[in-house]
Amino acid sequence: MRTIALSLTLLALPVVPAGAENPAAAIKIHRVFDIVRGNDKIGTDTIDIERQNDTTTIKIKKDVSVKVMFIEAYRYEHSCNETWKNGQLVAFKSRTNGQWHETFD
């Protein structure tokens, strides 16, 4: 689902001709989505996209915390940075940390 939304967002970005005399200003998109379980917000998913000329930078950050009776039972953190140039992936960095907290017998 995220891939589809990201693809549609990228398609909506304007294309600048290679021989443009004035470089285009950077286009920035910032979206924050709530992650919900039942009726409770348990985290956020943030997407930042910046495009300037032939380079697109995408930053994704997820942060989830599930609490049971005020005790954190589960935590998930994910961040990803991608750099695309002329439609080719040129840099990728990702970090994910998910762990279960054993709090109950």
PDB file of N, CA and C in Angstrom:
ATOM      1  N   MET A   1       0.826  -1.184   0.000  1.00  0.00           N
ATOM      2  CA  MET A   1       0.000   0.000   0.000  1.00  0.00           C
ATOM      3  C   MET A   1       0.868   1.244   0.000  1.00  0.00           C
ATOM      4  N   ARG A   2       1.949   1.218   0.827  1.00  0.00           N
ATOM      5  CA  ARG A   2       2.838   2.373   0.888  1.00  0.00           C
ATOM      6  C   ARG A   2       3.501   2.578  -0.461  1.00  0.00           C
ATOM      7  N   THR A   3       3.850   1.470  -1.149  1.00  0.00           N
ATOM      8  CA  THR A   3       4.515   1.564  -2.437  1.00  0.00           C
ATOM      9  C   THR A   3       3.602   2.229  -3.456  1.00  0.00           C
ATOM     10  N   ILE A   4       2.322   1.892  -3.423  1.00  0.00           N
ATOM     11  CA  ILE A   4       1.373   2.493  -4.353  1.00  0.00           C
ATOM     12  C   ILE A   4       1.230   3.980  -4.083  1.00  0.00           C
ATOM     13  N   ALA A   5       1.078   4.363  -2.816  1.00  0.00           N
ATOM     14  CA  ALA A   5       0.946   5.780  -2.476  1.00  0.00           C
ATOM     15  C   ALA A   5       2.200   6.537  -2.852  1.00  0.00           C
ATOM     16  N   LEU A   6       3.364   5.949  -2.622  1.00  0.00           N
ATOM     17  CA  LEU A   6       4.624   6.600  -2.946  1.00  0.00           C
ATOM     18  C   LEU A   6       4.763   6.749  -4.451  1.00  0.00           C
ATOM     19  N   SER A   7       4.400   5.717  -5.205  1.00  0.00           N
ATOM     20  CA  SER A   7       4.480   5.779  -6.658  1.00  0.00           C
ATOM     21  C   SER A   7       3.570   6.852  -7.220  1.00  0.00           C
ATOM     22  N   LEU A   8       2.356   6.936  -6.696  1.00  0.00           N
ATOM     23  CA  LEU A   8       1.428   7.958  -7.165  1.00  0.00           C
ATOM     24  C   LEU A   8       1.929   9.351  -6.832  1.00  0.00           C
ATOM     25  N   THR A   9       2.532   9.505  -5.670  1.00  0.00           N
ATOM     26  CA  THR A   9       3.086  10.803  -5.281  1.00  0.00           C
ATOM     27  C   THR A   9       4.215  11.192  -6.210  1.00  0.00           C
ATOM     28  N   LEU A  10       5.101  10.243  -6.520  1.00  0.00           N
ATOM     29  CA  LEU A  10       6.219  10.545  -7.406  1.00  0.00           C
ATOM     30  C   LEU A  10       5.757  10.895  -8.811  1.00  0.00           C
ATOM     31  N   LEU A  11       4.697  10.241  -9.285  1.00  0.00           N
ATOM     32  CA  LEU A  11       4.175  10.546 -10.608  1.00  0.00           C
ATOM     33  C   LEU A  11       3.593  11.953 -10.683  1.00  0.00           C
ATOM     34  N   ALA A  12       3.114  12.465  -9.550  1.00  0.00           N
ATOM     35  CA  ALA A  12       2.513  13.788  -9.523  1.00  0.00           C
ATOM     36  C   ALA A  12       3.554  14.906  -9.527  1.00  0.00           C
ATOM     37  N   LEU A  13       4.823  14.561  -9.293  1.00  0.00           N
ATOM     38  CA  LEU A  13       5.865  15.590  -9.277  1.00  0.00           C
ATOM     39  C   LEU A  13       6.152  16.044 -10.704  1.00  0.00           C
ATOM     40  N   PRO A  14       6.314  17.354 -10.919  1.00  0.00           N
ATOM     41  CA  PRO A  14       6.587  17.849 -12.264  1.00  0.00           C
ATOM     42  C   PRO A  14       7.987  17.442 -12.728  1.00  0.00           C
ATOM     43  N   VAL A  15       8.133  17.302 -14.035  1.00  0.00           N
ATOM     44  CA  VAL A  15       9.409  16.939 -14.633  1.00  0.00           C
ATOM     45  C   VAL A  15      10.020  18.185 -15.242  1.00  0.00           C
ATOM     46  N   VAL A  16      11.325  18.399 -14.999  1.00  0.00           N
ATOM     47  CA  VAL A  16      12.024  19.561 -15.534  1.00  0.00           C
ATOM     48  C   VAL A  16      12.884  19.105 -16.699  1.00  0.00           C
ATOM     49  N   PRO A  17      12.771  19.766 -17.856  1.00  0.00           N
ATOM     50  CA  PRO A  17      13.601  19.383 -18.995  1.00  0.00           C
ATOM     51  C   PRO A  17      15.084  19.498 -18.665  1.00  0.00           C
ATOM     52  N   ALA A  18      15.904  18.627 -19.252  1.00  0.00           N
ATOM     53  CA  ALA A  18      17.333  18.605 -18.952  1.00  0.00           C
ATOM     54  C   ALA A  18      18.025  19.911 -19.329  1.00  0.00           C
ATOM     55  N   GLY A  19      17.546  20.583 -20.332  1.00  0.00           N
ATOM     56  CA  GLY A  19      18.195  21.815 -20.780  1.00  0.00           C
ATOM     57  C   GLY A  19      17.564  23.073 -20.227  1.00  0.00           C
ATOM     58  N   ALA A  20      16.848  22.993 -19.132  1.00  0.00           N
ATOM     59  CA  ALA A  20      16.196  24.170 -18.566  1.00  0.00           C
ATOM     60  C   ALA A  20      17.245  25.188 -18.145  1.00  0.00           C
ATOM     61  N   GLU A  21      17.000  26.453 -18.481  1.00  0.00           N
ATOM     62  CA  GLU A  21      17.971  27.502 -18.172  1.00  0.00           C
ATOM     63  C   GLU A  21      18.032  27.807 -16.681  1.00  0.00           C
ATOM     64  N   ASN A  22      16.905  27.919 -16.028  1.00  0.00           N
ATOM     65  CA  ASN A  22      16.867  28.199 -14.597  1.00  0.00           C
ATOM     66  C   ASN A  22      16.575  26.910 -13.852  1.00  0.00           C
ATOM     67  N   PRO A  23      17.459  26.537 -12.905  1.00  0.00           N
ATOM     68  CA  PRO A  23      17.163  25.315 -12.150  1.00  0.00           C
ATOM     69  C   PRO A  23      15.871  25.467 -11.356  1.00  0.00           C
ATOM     70  N   ALA A  24      15.108  24.393 -11.329  1.00  0.00           N
ATOM     71  CA  ALA A  24      13.823  24.422 -10.631  1.00  0.00           C
ATOM     72  C   ALA A  24      14.039  24.440  -9.123  1.00  0.00           C
ATOM     73  N   ALA A  25      13.135  25.106  -8.432  1.00  0.00           N
ATOM     74  CA  ALA A  25      13.173  25.088  -6.967  1.00  0.00           C
ATOM     75  C   ALA A  25      12.819  23.687  -6.493  1.00  0.00           C
ATOM     76  N   ALA A  26      13.327  23.334  -5.346  1.00  0.00           N
ATOM     77  CA  ALA A  26      13.052  22.015  -4.790  1.00  0.00           C
ATOM     78  C   ALA A  26      11.577  21.872  -4.478  1.00  0.00           C
ATOM     79  N   ILE A  27      11.048  20.705  -4.764  1.00  0.00           N
ATOM     80  CA  ILE A  27       9.663  20.380  -4.436  1.00  0.00           C
ATOM     81  C   ILE A  27       9.711  19.488  -3.209  1.00  0.00           C
ATOM     82  N   LYS A  28       8.965  19.872  -2.179  1.00  0.00           N
ATOM     83  CA  LYS A  28       8.982  19.109  -0.929  1.00  0.00           C
ATOM     84  C   LYS A  28       7.571  18.651  -0.578  1.00  0.00           C
ATOM     85  N   ILE A  29       7.471  17.391  -0.197  1.00  0.00           N
ATOM     86  CA  ILE A  29       6.201  16.811   0.241  1.00  0.00           C
ATOM     87  C   ILE A  29       6.421  16.206   1.618  1.00  0.00           C
ATOM     88  N   HIS A  30       5.562  16.523   2.555  1.00  0.00           N
ATOM     89  CA  HIS A  30       5.660  16.001   3.925  1.00  0.00           C
ATOM     90  C   HIS A  30       4.293  15.446   4.312  1.00  0.00           C
ATOM     91  N   ARG A  31       4.237  14.165   4.650  1.00  0.00           N
ATOM     92  CA  ARG A  31       2.981  13.537   5.049  1.00  0.00           C
ATOM     93  C   ARG A  31       3.208  12.760   6.345  1.00  0.00           C
ATOM     94  N   VAL A  32       2.251  12.851   7.255  1.00  0.00           N
ATOM     95  CA  VAL A  32       2.290  12.097   8.506  1.00  0.00           C
ATOM     96  C   VAL A  32       0.978  11.329   8.614  1.00  0.00           C
ATOM     97  N   PHE A  33       1.079  10.020   8.820  1.00  0.00           N
ATOM     98  CA  PHE A  33      -0.087   9.157   8.951  1.00  0.00           C
ATOM     99  C   PHE A  33      -0.105   8.560  10.351  1.00  0.00           C
ATOM    100  N   ASP A  34      -1.270   8.501  10.945  1.00  0.00           N
ATOM    101  CA  ASP A  34      -1.430   7.842  12.241  1.00  0.00           C
ATOM    102  C   ASP A  34      -1.544   6.342  12.018  1.00  0.00           C
ATOM    103  N   ILE A  35      -0.905   5.577  12.887  1.00  0.00           N
ATOM    104  CA  ILE A  35      -1.063   4.124  12.895  1.00  0.00           C
ATOM    105  C   ILE A  35      -2.007   3.810  14.046  1.00  0.00           C
ATOM    106  N   VAL A  36      -3.120   3.151  13.723  1.00  0.00           N
ATOM    107  CA  VAL A  36      -4.197   2.955  14.692  1.00  0.00           C
ATOM    108  C   VAL A  36      -4.456   1.462  14.867  1.00  0.00           C
ATOM    109  N   ARG A  37      -4.670   1.083  16.120  1.00  0.00           N
ATOM    110  CA  ARG A  37      -5.073  -0.290  16.464  1.00  0.00           C
ATOM    111  C   ARG A  37      -6.369  -0.168  17.247  1.00  0.00           C
ATOM    112  N   GLY A  38      -7.436  -0.701  16.672  1.00  0.00           N
ATOM    113  CA  GLY A  38      -8.750  -0.494  17.296  1.00  0.00           C
ATOM    114  C   GLY A  38      -9.082   0.987  17.205  1.00  0.00           C
ATOM    115  N   ASN A  39      -9.303   1.619  18.333  1.00  0.00           N
ATOM    116  CA  ASN A  39      -9.555   3.058  18.359  1.00  0.00           C
ATOM    117  C   ASN A  39      -8.377   3.841  18.928  1.00  0.00           C
ATOM    118  N   ASP A  40      -7.247   3.163  19.160  1.00  0.00           N
ATOM    119  CA  ASP A  40      -6.099   3.805  19.788  1.00  0.00           C
ATOM    120  C   ASP A  40      -5.004   4.099  18.775  1.00  0.00           C
ATOM    121  N   LYS A  41      -4.461   5.304  18.832  1.00  0.00           N
ATOM    122  CA  LYS A  41      -3.298   5.648  18.025  1.00  0.00           C
ATOM    123  C   LYS A  41      -2.072   5.027  18.700  1.00  0.00           C
ATOM    124  N   ILE A  42      -1.358   4.176  17.947  1.00  0.00           N
ATOM    125  CA  ILE A  42      -0.195   3.504  18.519  1.00  0.00           C
ATOM    126  C   ILE A  42       1.109   3.961  17.855  1.00  0.00           C
ATOM    127  N   GLY A  43       1.019   4.853  16.875  1.00  0.00           N
ATOM    128  CA  GLY A  43       2.249   5.308  16.245  1.00  0.00           C
ATOM    129  C   GLY A  43       2.006   6.212  15.068  1.00  0.00           C
ATOM    130  N   THR A  44       3.106   6.542  14.396  1.00  0.00           N
ATOM    131  CA  THR A  44       3.043   7.403  13.218  1.00  0.00           C
ATOM    132  C   THR A  44       3.927   6.846  12.117  1.00  0.00           C
ATOM    133  N   ASP A  45       3.570   7.204  10.903  1.00  0.00           N
ATOM    134  CA  ASP A  45       4.346   6.879   9.702  1.00  0.00           C
ATOM    135  C   ASP A  45       4.559   8.208   8.978  1.00  0.00           C
ATOM    136  N   THR A  46       5.803   8.643   8.881  1.00  0.00           N
ATOM    137  CA  THR A  46       6.116   9.936   8.278  1.00  0.00           C
ATOM    138  C   THR A  46       6.879   9.710   6.978  1.00  0.00           C
ATOM    139  N   ILE A  47       6.464  10.418   5.933  1.00  0.00           N
ATOM    140  CA  ILE A  47       7.121  10.328   4.634  1.00  0.00           C
ATOM    141  C   ILE A  47       7.488  11.735   4.180  1.00  0.00           C
ATOM    142  N   ASP A  48       8.760  11.935   3.855  1.00  0.00           N
ATOM    143  CA  ASP A  48       9.240  13.200   3.301  1.00  0.00           C
ATOM    144  C   ASP A  48       9.862  12.914   1.942  1.00  0.00           C
ATOM    145  N   ILE A  49       9.411  13.645   0.927  1.00  0.00           N
ATOM    146  CA  ILE A  49       9.943  13.502  -0.421  1.00  0.00           C
ATOM    147  C   ILE A  49      10.423  14.875  -0.879  1.00  0.00           C
ATOM    148  N   GLU A  50      11.644  14.913  -1.372  1.00  0.00           N
ATOM    149  CA  GLU A  50      12.180  16.166  -1.905  1.00  0.00           C
ATOM    150  C   GLU A  50      12.765  15.887  -3.276  1.00  0.00           C
ATOM    151  N   ARG A  51      12.359  16.716  -4.228  1.00  0.00           N
ATOM    152  CA  ARG A  51      12.853  16.542  -5.589  1.00  0.00           C
ATOM    153  C   ARG A  51      13.426  17.853  -6.083  1.00  0.00           C
ATOM    154  N   GLN A  52      14.653  17.789  -6.576  1.00  0.00           N
ATOM    155  CA  GLN A  52      15.276  18.952  -7.185  1.00  0.00           C
ATOM    156  C   GLN A  52      16.024  18.476  -8.420  1.00  0.00           C
ATOM    157  N   ASN A  53      15.662  19.051  -9.542  1.00  0.00           N
ATOM    158  CA  ASN A  53      16.215  18.662 -10.837  1.00  0.00           C
ATOM    159  C   ASN A  53      16.058  17.169 -11.046  1.00  0.00           C
ATOM    160  N   ASP A  54      17.152  16.422 -11.199  1.00  0.00           N
ATOM    161  CA  ASP A  54      17.050  14.989 -11.489  1.00  0.00           C
ATOM    162  C   ASP A  54      17.253  14.113 -10.257  1.00  0.00           C
ATOM    163  N   THR A  55      17.236  14.718  -9.055  1.00  0.00           N
ATOM    164  CA  THR A  55      17.480  13.972  -7.823  1.00  0.00           C
ATOM    165  C   THR A  55      16.252  13.994  -6.925  1.00  0.00           C
ATOM    166  N   THR A  56      15.854  12.826  -6.460  1.00  0.00           N
ATOM    167  CA  THR A  56      14.732  12.699  -5.531  1.00  0.00           C
ATOM    168  C   THR A  56      15.235  12.004  -4.267  1.00  0.00           C
ATOM    169  N   THR A  57      14.935  12.601  -3.128  1.00  0.00           N
ATOM    170  CA  THR A  57      15.300  12.037  -1.835  1.00  0.00           C
ATOM    171  C   THR A  57      14.023  11.663  -1.095  1.00  0.00           C
ATOM    172  N   ILE A  58      13.969  10.450  -0.574  1.00  0.00           N
ATOM    173  CA  ILE A  58      12.798   9.960   0.145  1.00  0.00           C
ATOM    174  C   ILE A  58      13.241   9.535   1.537  1.00  0.00           C
ATOM    175  N   LYS A  59      12.558  10.045   2.559  1.00  0.00           N
ATOM    176  CA  LYS A  59      12.839   9.661   3.944  1.00  0.00           C
ATOM    177  C   LYS A  59      11.553   9.139   4.564  1.00  0.00           C
ATOM    178  N   ILE A  60      11.633   7.954   5.131  1.00  0.00           N
ATOM    179  CA  ILE A  60      10.469   7.314   5.742  1.00  0.00           C
ATOM    180  C   ILE A  60      10.820   6.984   7.186  1.00  0.00           C
ATOM    181  N   LYS A  61       9.891   7.278   8.078  1.00  0.00           N
ATOM    182  CA  LYS A  61      10.120   6.967   9.495  1.00  0.00           C
ATOM    183  C   LYS A  61       8.828   6.430  10.095  1.00  0.00           C
ATOM    184  N   LYS A  62       8.933   5.274  10.752  1.00  0.00           N
ATOM    185  CA  LYS A  62       7.790   4.677  11.456  1.00  0.00           C
ATOM    186  C   LYS A  62       8.161   4.547  12.915  1.00  0.00           C
ATOM    187  N   ASP A  63       7.197   4.810  13.758  1.00  0.00           N
ATOM    188  CA  ASP A  63       7.411   4.684  15.196  1.00  0.00           C
ATOM    189  C   ASP A  63       6.121   4.137  15.800  1.00  0.00           C
ATOM    190  N   VAL A  64       6.208   2.911  16.350  1.00  0.00           N
ATOM    191  CA  VAL A  64       5.034   2.248  16.915  1.00  0.00           C
ATOM    192  C   VAL A  64       5.344   1.830  18.348  1.00  0.00           C
ATOM    193  N   SER A  65       4.390   2.071  19.235  1.00  0.00           N
ATOM    194  CA  SER A  65       4.521   1.649  20.633  1.00  0.00           C
ATOM    195  C   SER A  65       3.162   1.148  21.098  1.00  0.00           C
ATOM    196  N   VAL A  66       3.125  -0.121  21.504  1.00  0.00           N
ATOM    197  CA  VAL A  66       1.887  -0.713  22.007  1.00  0.00           C
ATOM    198  C   VAL A  66       2.031  -0.874  23.519  1.00  0.00           C
ATOM    199  N   LYS A  67       1.091  -0.292  24.237  1.00  0.00           N
ATOM    200  CA  LYS A  67       1.127  -0.365  25.697  1.00  0.00           C
ATOM    201  C   LYS A  67      -0.048  -1.180  26.206  1.00  0.00           C
ATOM    202  N   VAL A  68       0.227  -1.947  27.246  1.00  0.00           N
ATOM    203  CA  VAL A  68      -0.803  -2.719  27.924  1.00  0.00           C
ATOM    204  C   VAL A  68      -0.782  -2.264  29.374  1.00  0.00           C
ATOM    205  N   MET A  69      -1.866  -1.660  29.792  1.00  0.00           N
ATOM    206  CA  MET A  69      -1.971  -1.139  31.153  1.00  0.00           C
ATOM    207  C   MET A  69      -0.775  -0.242  31.497  1.00  0.00           C
ATOM    208  N   PHE A  70      -0.483   0.708  30.605  1.00  0.00           N
ATOM    209  CA  PHE A  70       0.568   1.706  30.779  1.00  0.00           C
ATOM    210  C   PHE A  70       1.984   1.142  30.710  1.00  0.00           C
ATOM    211  N   ILE A  71       2.136  -0.134  30.377  1.00  0.00           N
ATOM    212  CA  ILE A  71       3.456  -0.737  30.234  1.00  0.00           C
ATOM    213  C   ILE A  71       3.680  -1.018  28.751  1.00  0.00           C
ATOM    214  N   GLU A  72       4.817  -0.580  28.236  1.00  0.00           N
ATOM    215  CA  GLU A  72       5.105  -0.800  26.827  1.00  0.00           C
ATOM    216  C   GLU A  72       5.371  -2.286  26.584  1.00  0.00           C
ATOM    217  N   ALA A  73       4.499  -2.916  25.785  1.00  0.00           N
ATOM    218  CA  ALA A  73       4.613  -4.334  25.489  1.00  0.00           C
ATOM    219  C   ALA A  73       5.340  -4.571  24.169  1.00  0.00           C
ATOM    220  N   TYR A  74       5.293  -3.595  23.257  1.00  0.00           N
ATOM    221  CA  TYR A  74       5.928  -3.754  21.950  1.00  0.00           C
ATOM    222  C   TYR A  74       6.377  -2.408  21.441  1.00  0.00           C
ATOM    223  N   ARG A  75       7.557  -2.365  20.838  1.00  0.00           N
ATOM    224  CA  ARG A  75       8.081  -1.142  20.242  1.00  0.00           C
ATOM    225  C   ARG A  75       8.672  -1.494  18.886  1.00  0.00           C
ATOM    226  N   TYR A  76       8.371  -0.665  17.886  1.00  0.00           N
ATOM    227  CA  TYR A  76       8.896  -0.856  16.535  1.00  0.00           C
ATOM    228  C   TYR A  76       9.340   0.490  16.001  1.00  0.00           C
ATOM    229  N   GLU A  77      10.584   0.554  15.554  1.00  0.00           N
ATOM    230  CA  GLU A  77      11.115   1.773  14.959  1.00  0.00           C
ATOM    231  C   GLU A  77      11.752   1.413  13.620  1.00  0.00           C
ATOM    232  N   HIS A  78      11.480   2.224  12.613  1.00  0.00           N
ATOM    233  CA  HIS A  78      12.041   1.976  11.288  1.00  0.00           C
ATOM    234  C   HIS A  78      12.329   3.316  10.636  1.00  0.00           C
ATOM    235  N   SER A  79      13.493   3.433  10.020  1.00  0.00           N
ATOM    236  CA  SER A  79      13.800   4.626   9.230  1.00  0.00           C
ATOM    237  C   SER A  79      14.490   4.172   7.951  1.00  0.00           C
ATOM    238  N   CYS A  80      14.240   4.908   6.886  1.00  0.00           N
ATOM    239  CA  CYS A  80      14.771   4.556   5.579  1.00  0.00           C
ATOM    240  C   CYS A  80      15.029   5.842   4.802  1.00  0.00           C
ATOM    241  N   ASN A  81      16.215   5.963   4.230  1.00  0.00           N
ATOM    242  CA  ASN A  81      16.558   7.095   3.376  1.00  0.00           C
ATOM    243  C   ASN A  81      16.964   6.552   2.009  1.00  0.00           C
ATOM    244  N   GLU A  82      16.340   7.088   0.962  1.00  0.00           N
ATOM    245  CA  GLU A  82      16.652   6.675  -0.402  1.00  0.00           C
ATOM    246  C   GLU A  82      17.013   7.914  -1.211  1.00  0.00           C
ATOM    247  N   THR A  83      17.986   7.782  -2.105  1.00  0.00           N
ATOM    248  CA  THR A  83      18.311   8.855  -3.046  1.00  0.00           C
ATOM    249  C   THR A  83      18.256   8.271  -4.447  1.00  0.00           C
ATOM    250  N   TRP A  84      17.475   8.932  -5.296  1.00  0.00           N
ATOM    251  CA  TRP A  84      17.287   8.508  -6.676  1.00  0.00           C
ATOM    252  C   TRP A  84      17.818   9.607  -7.590  1.00  0.00           C
ATOM    253  N   LYS A  85      18.540   9.220  -8.630  1.00  0.00           N
ATOM    254  CA  LYS A  85      19.051  10.181  -9.603  1.00  0.00           C
ATOM    255  C   LYS A  85      18.760   9.628 -10.994  1.00  0.00           C
ATOM    256  N   ASN A  86      18.078  10.427 -11.793  1.00  0.00           N
ATOM    257  CA  ASN A  86      17.680  10.010 -13.146  1.00  0.00           C
ATOM    258  C   ASN A  86      16.950   8.673 -13.134  1.00  0.00           C
ATOM    259  N   GLY A  87      16.098   8.463 -12.121  1.00  0.00           N
ATOM    260  CA  GLY A  87      15.305   7.243 -12.048  1.00  0.00           C
ATOM    261  C   GLY A  87      16.055   6.020 -11.553  1.00  0.00           C
ATOM    262  N   GLN A  88      17.300   6.183 -11.129  1.00  0.00           N
ATOM    263  CA  GLN A  88      18.102   5.072 -10.630  1.00  0.00           C
ATOM    264  C   GLN A  88      18.373   5.264  -9.144  1.00  0.00           C
ATOM    265  N   LEU A  89      18.244   4.202  -8.374  1.00  0.00           N
ATOM    266  CA  LEU A  89      18.565   4.247  -6.945  1.00  0.00           C
ATOM    267  C   LEU A  89      20.076   4.341  -6.792  1.00  0.00           C
ATOM    268  N   VAL A  90      20.560   5.437  -6.148  1.00  0.00           N
ATOM    269  CA  VAL A  90      22.007   5.625  -6.001  1.00  0.00           C
ATOM    270  C   VAL A  90      22.460   5.513  -4.548  1.00  0.00           C
ATOM    271  N   ALA A  91      21.537   5.625  -3.602  1.00  0.00           N
ATOM    272  CA  ALA A  91      21.897   5.483  -2.193  1.00  0.00           C
ATOM    273  C   ALA A  91      20.693   4.967  -1.422  1.00  0.00           C
ATOM    274  N   PHE A  92      20.966   4.084  -0.455  1.00  0.00           N
ATOM    275  CA  PHE A  92      19.902   3.507   0.358  1.00  0.00           C
ATOM    276  C   PHE A  92      20.452   3.221   1.748  1.00  0.00           C
ATOM    277  N   LYS A  93      19.743   3.679   2.756  1.00  0.00           N
ATOM    278  CA  LYS A  93      20.137   3.404   4.137  1.00  0.00           C
ATOM    279  C   LYS A  93      18.864   3.112   4.912  1.00  0.00           C
ATOM    280  N   SER A  94      18.881   2.020   5.672  1.00  0.00           N
ATOM    281  CA  SER A  94      17.693   1.615   6.404  1.00  0.00           C
ATOM    282  C   SER A  94      18.087   1.065   7.763  1.00  0.00           C
ATOM    283  N   ARG A  95      17.224   1.335   8.741  1.00  0.00           N
ATOM    284  CA  ARG A  95      17.449   0.801  10.085  1.00  0.00           C
ATOM    285  C   ARG A  95      16.095   0.415  10.663  1.00  0.00           C
ATOM    286  N   THR A  96      16.031  -0.791  11.192  1.00  0.00           N
ATOM    287  CA  THR A  96      14.802  -1.276  11.806  1.00  0.00           C
ATOM    288  C   THR A  96      15.140  -1.875  13.159  1.00  0.00           C
ATOM    289  N   ASN A  97      14.323  -1.530  14.140  1.00  0.00           N
ATOM    290  CA  ASN A  97      14.513  -2.067  15.481  1.00  0.00           C
ATOM    291  C   ASN A  97      13.138  -2.390  16.042  1.00  0.00           C
ATOM    292  N   GLY A  98      12.819  -3.657  16.132  1.00  0.00           N
ATOM    293  CA  GLY A  98      11.572  -4.076  16.739  1.00  0.00           C
ATOM    294  C   GLY A  98      11.884  -5.066  17.845  1.00  0.00           C
ATOM    295  N   GLN A  99      11.275  -4.903  18.956  1.00  0.00           N
ATOM    296  CA  GLN A  99      11.546  -5.846  20.036  1.00  0.00           C
ATOM    297  C   GLN A  99      10.316  -6.014  20.913  1.00  0.00           C
ATOM    298  N   TRP A 100      10.226  -7.203  21.454  1.00  0.00           N
ATOM    299  CA  TRP A 100       9.165  -7.497  22.408  1.00  0.00           C
ATOM    300  C   TRP A 100       9.706  -7.280  23.794  1.00  0.00           C
ATOM    301  N   HIS A 101       8.924  -6.646  24.617  1.00  0.00           N
ATOM    302  CA  HIS A 101       9.274  -6.470  26.016  1.00  0.00           C
ATOM    303  C   HIS A 101       8.489  -7.507  26.820  1.00  0.00           C
ATOM    304  N   GLU A 102       9.183  -8.390  27.457  1.00  0.00           N
ATOM    305  CA  GLU A 102       8.519  -9.409  28.258  1.00  0.00           C
ATOM    306  C   GLU A 102       8.170  -8.796  29.605  1.00  0.00           C
ATOM    307  N   THR A 103       6.876  -8.562  29.826  1.00  0.00           N
ATOM    308  CA  THR A 103       6.467  -7.903  31.063  1.00  0.00           C
ATOM    309  C   THR A 103       5.487  -8.756  31.877  1.00  0.00           C
ATOM    310  N   PHE A 104       4.945  -9.812  31.257  1.00  0.00           N
ATOM    311  CA  PHE A 104       3.938 -10.609  31.952  1.00  0.00           C
ATOM    312  C   PHE A 104       4.367 -12.067  31.954  1.00  0.00           C
ATOM    313  N   ASP A 105       3.970 -12.794  32.980  1.00  0.00           N
ATOM    314  CA  ASP A 105       4.262 -14.239  33.056  1.00  0.00           C
ATOM    315  C   ASP A 105       3.199 -15.029  32.354  1.00  0.00           C
TER     316      ASP A 105
END
